[in-house]
Amino acid sequence: ITASDIAGEMVAIGREKVTAAGLDTVTCVQGALGDPALGTGPYDVVLAFNLLHLTRDPGAEVRKVHALLKPGGLFISKTGCLGDRHGFLKPVIGFMRLLGRAPYVNFLTVAGIEAQIRDAGFEIVETGTYPAKPPARFIVARKR
């Protein structure tokens, strides 16, 4: 198992928890999709929680996931979809970004992110929206 995050502090927390649990099959690395630290796979499953809406090109990130998975592998994602009903937050988040208080946020829609996942070569096998407001879309997709 390889666990990753782009934030060093999150990786440090993960390492502490892995050590405390005595897990010797889990490696925690700092890096983004495509970084050599993550290896080349093939993986059985890739989890991406709270990632795609923070990228400028979610489709490119999904294609990277596709390349990491073995045939039939699963991609499980949770993605904030603020584009469906929360467009009013764009100027607020834009202002917060100017102050250095918020990351880039891509205002994705549920239909849009599902289309990008299908276009990358996945079959969507299950979906759900949890929580409903703001919508966070859980998607389980199988590599075709």
Protein backbone atom coordinates (compact mmCIF):
# COMPACT_ATOMS: atom_id res chain seq x y z
CA ILE A 1 0.00 0.00 0.00
CA THR A 2 1.32 3.41 -0.96
CA ALA A 3 -0.30 6.42 0.71
CA SER A 4 0.50 9.86 -0.65
CA ASP A 5 -0.26 13.52 -0.23
CA ILE A 6 1.30 16.67 -1.60
CA ALA A 7 1.46 18.16 1.90
CA GLY A 8 4.46 17.11 3.95
CA GLU A 9 2.56 17.55 7.22
CA MET A 10 -0.14 15.12 6.08
CA VAL A 11 2.51 12.57 5.11
CA ALA A 12 4.14 12.97 8.54
CA ILE A 13 0.79 12.34 10.26
CA GLY A 14 0.26 9.28 8.06
CA ARG A 15 3.69 7.92 8.93
CA GLU A 16 3.00 8.37 12.65
CA LYS A 17 -0.27 6.48 12.36
CA VAL A 18 1.30 3.69 10.30
CA THR A 19 4.09 3.30 12.86
CA ALA A 20 1.67 3.36 15.80
CA ALA A 21 -0.46 0.67 14.14
CA GLY A 22 2.59 -1.47 13.37
CA LEU A 23 1.78 -1.66 9.66
CA ASP A 24 4.79 -2.80 7.67
CA THR A 25 3.01 -3.00 4.31
CA VAL A 26 2.14 0.72 4.10
CA THR A 27 4.53 3.31 2.73
CA CYS A 28 3.75 7.03 3.03
CA VAL A 29 5.27 9.32 0.41
CA GLN A 30 4.98 12.98 -0.45
CA GLY A 31 4.05 13.58 -4.05
CA ALA A 32 1.40 14.26 -6.63
CA LEU A 33 0.05 11.93 -9.29
CA GLY A 34 2.82 11.18 -11.74
CA ASP A 35 5.65 11.81 -9.27
CA PRO A 36 8.32 9.09 -9.33
CA ALA A 37 7.89 8.62 -5.56
CA LEU A 38 4.54 6.96 -6.24
CA GLY A 39 6.01 4.36 -8.54
CA THR A 40 4.50 3.22 -11.80
CA GLY A 41 2.06 0.60 -10.58
CA PRO A 42 0.21 -1.30 -11.62
CA TYR A 43 -2.09 -0.80 -8.67
CA ASP A 44 -5.31 -2.67 -7.87
CA VAL A 45 -7.03 0.44 -6.48
CA VAL A 46 -6.34 4.16 -6.47
CA LEU A 47 -8.18 6.37 -3.97
CA ALA A 48 -8.31 10.10 -4.65
CA PHE A 49 -10.21 12.01 -2.00
CA ASN A 50 -10.46 15.80 -2.21
CA LEU A 51 -8.05 16.00 -5.14
CA LEU A 52 -9.72 16.56 -8.49
CA HIS A 53 -11.49 19.83 -7.63
CA LEU A 54 -8.13 21.27 -6.55
CA THR A 55 -6.52 20.73 -9.97
CA ARG A 56 -6.67 22.87 -13.09
CA ASP A 57 -7.06 19.83 -15.38
CA PRO A 58 -8.95 17.04 -13.60
CA GLY A 59 -9.15 15.02 -16.81
CA ALA A 60 -5.35 14.87 -16.99
CA GLU A 61 -5.19 13.66 -13.39
CA VAL A 62 -7.78 10.96 -14.09
CA ARG A 63 -5.73 9.80 -17.10
CA LYS A 64 -2.70 9.51 -14.78
CA VAL A 65 -4.78 7.32 -12.46
CA HIS A 66 -5.80 5.19 -15.45
CA ALA A 67 -2.14 4.65 -16.32
CA LEU A 68 -1.35 3.54 -12.75
CA LEU A 69 -4.09 0.90 -12.58
CA LYS A 70 -3.96 -2.68 -13.76
CA PRO A 71 -6.74 -3.76 -16.16
CA GLY A 72 -9.99 -3.98 -14.21
CA GLY A 73 -8.51 -1.88 -11.37
CA LEU A 74 -10.71 0.49 -9.40
CA PHE A 75 -10.56 4.26 -9.14
CA ILE A 76 -12.45 5.56 -6.10
CA SER A 77 -12.79 9.30 -5.82
CA LYS A 78 -14.50 11.89 -3.69
CA THR A 79 -14.73 15.23 -5.44
CA GLY A 80 -16.25 18.51 -4.33
CA CYS A 81 -18.65 19.67 -7.05
CA LEU A 82 -19.15 23.34 -6.32
CA GLY A 83 -20.08 24.18 -9.91
CA ASP A 84 -23.55 22.69 -9.54
CA ARG A 85 -24.93 25.22 -7.05
CA HIS A 86 -22.13 27.19 -5.47
CA GLY A 87 -20.87 29.46 -8.24
CA PHE A 88 -21.38 32.42 -5.91
CA LEU A 89 -18.30 31.22 -4.02
CA LYS A 90 -15.97 31.91 -6.97
CA PRO A 91 -15.29 35.55 -6.05
CA VAL A 92 -15.01 34.69 -2.36
CA ILE A 93 -12.44 31.95 -3.00
CA GLY A 94 -10.69 34.18 -5.54
CA PHE A 95 -10.30 36.88 -2.90
CA MET A 96 -9.11 34.34 -0.33
CA ARG A 97 -6.52 33.12 -2.85
CA LEU A 98 -5.23 36.68 -3.23
CA LEU A 99 -4.71 36.72 0.53
CA GLY A 100 -2.97 33.34 0.43
CA ARG A 101 -5.77 31.73 2.45
CA ALA A 102 -7.22 29.30 -0.11
CA PRO A 103 -5.94 26.95 -2.80
CA TYR A 104 -7.06 26.96 -6.41
CA VAL A 105 -10.56 25.48 -6.63
CA ASN A 106 -12.02 24.11 -9.86
CA PHE A 107 -15.80 24.58 -9.82
CA LEU A 108 -16.69 21.15 -11.19
CA THR A 109 -20.15 19.73 -11.77
CA VAL A 110 -21.24 16.16 -11.06
CA ALA A 111 -22.00 15.55 -14.74
CA GLY A 112 -18.69 17.10 -15.77
CA ILE A 113 -16.47 15.03 -13.49
CA GLU A 114 -18.31 11.83 -14.37
CA ALA A 115 -17.83 12.58 -18.08
CA GLN A 116 -14.10 13.17 -17.55
CA ILE A 117 -13.77 9.84 -15.74
CA ARG A 118 -15.61 7.99 -18.51
CA ASP A 119 -13.58 9.80 -21.19
CA ALA A 120 -10.36 8.63 -19.50
CA GLY A 121 -11.30 4.98 -20.07
CA PHE A 122 -13.32 4.07 -17.01
CA GLU A 123 -16.72 2.48 -16.52
CA ILE A 124 -18.56 4.08 -13.61
CA VAL A 125 -19.93 1.28 -11.44
CA GLU A 126 -21.29 3.19 -8.44
CA THR A 127 -21.92 6.78 -7.38
CA GLY A 128 -23.25 8.67 -4.42
CA THR A 129 -23.37 12.21 -3.12
CA TYR A 130 -22.22 12.57 0.50
CA PRO A 131 -22.76 15.15 1.89
CA ALA A 132 -25.49 16.55 -0.30
CA LYS A 133 -24.58 20.19 0.43
CA PRO A 134 -22.15 21.14 -0.89
CA PRO A 135 -22.19 18.13 -3.14
CA ALA A 136 -19.23 15.80 -2.71
CA ARG A 137 -19.48 13.11 -5.36
CA PHE A 138 -18.19 9.64 -4.56
CA ILE A 139 -17.45 7.66 -7.70
CA VAL A 140 -16.27 4.08 -8.07
CA ALA A 141 -15.00 3.41 -11.58
CA ARG A 142 -13.39 0.37 -13.18
CA LYS A 143 -10.57 0.63 -15.70
CA ARG A 144 -11.75 -0.68 -19.07
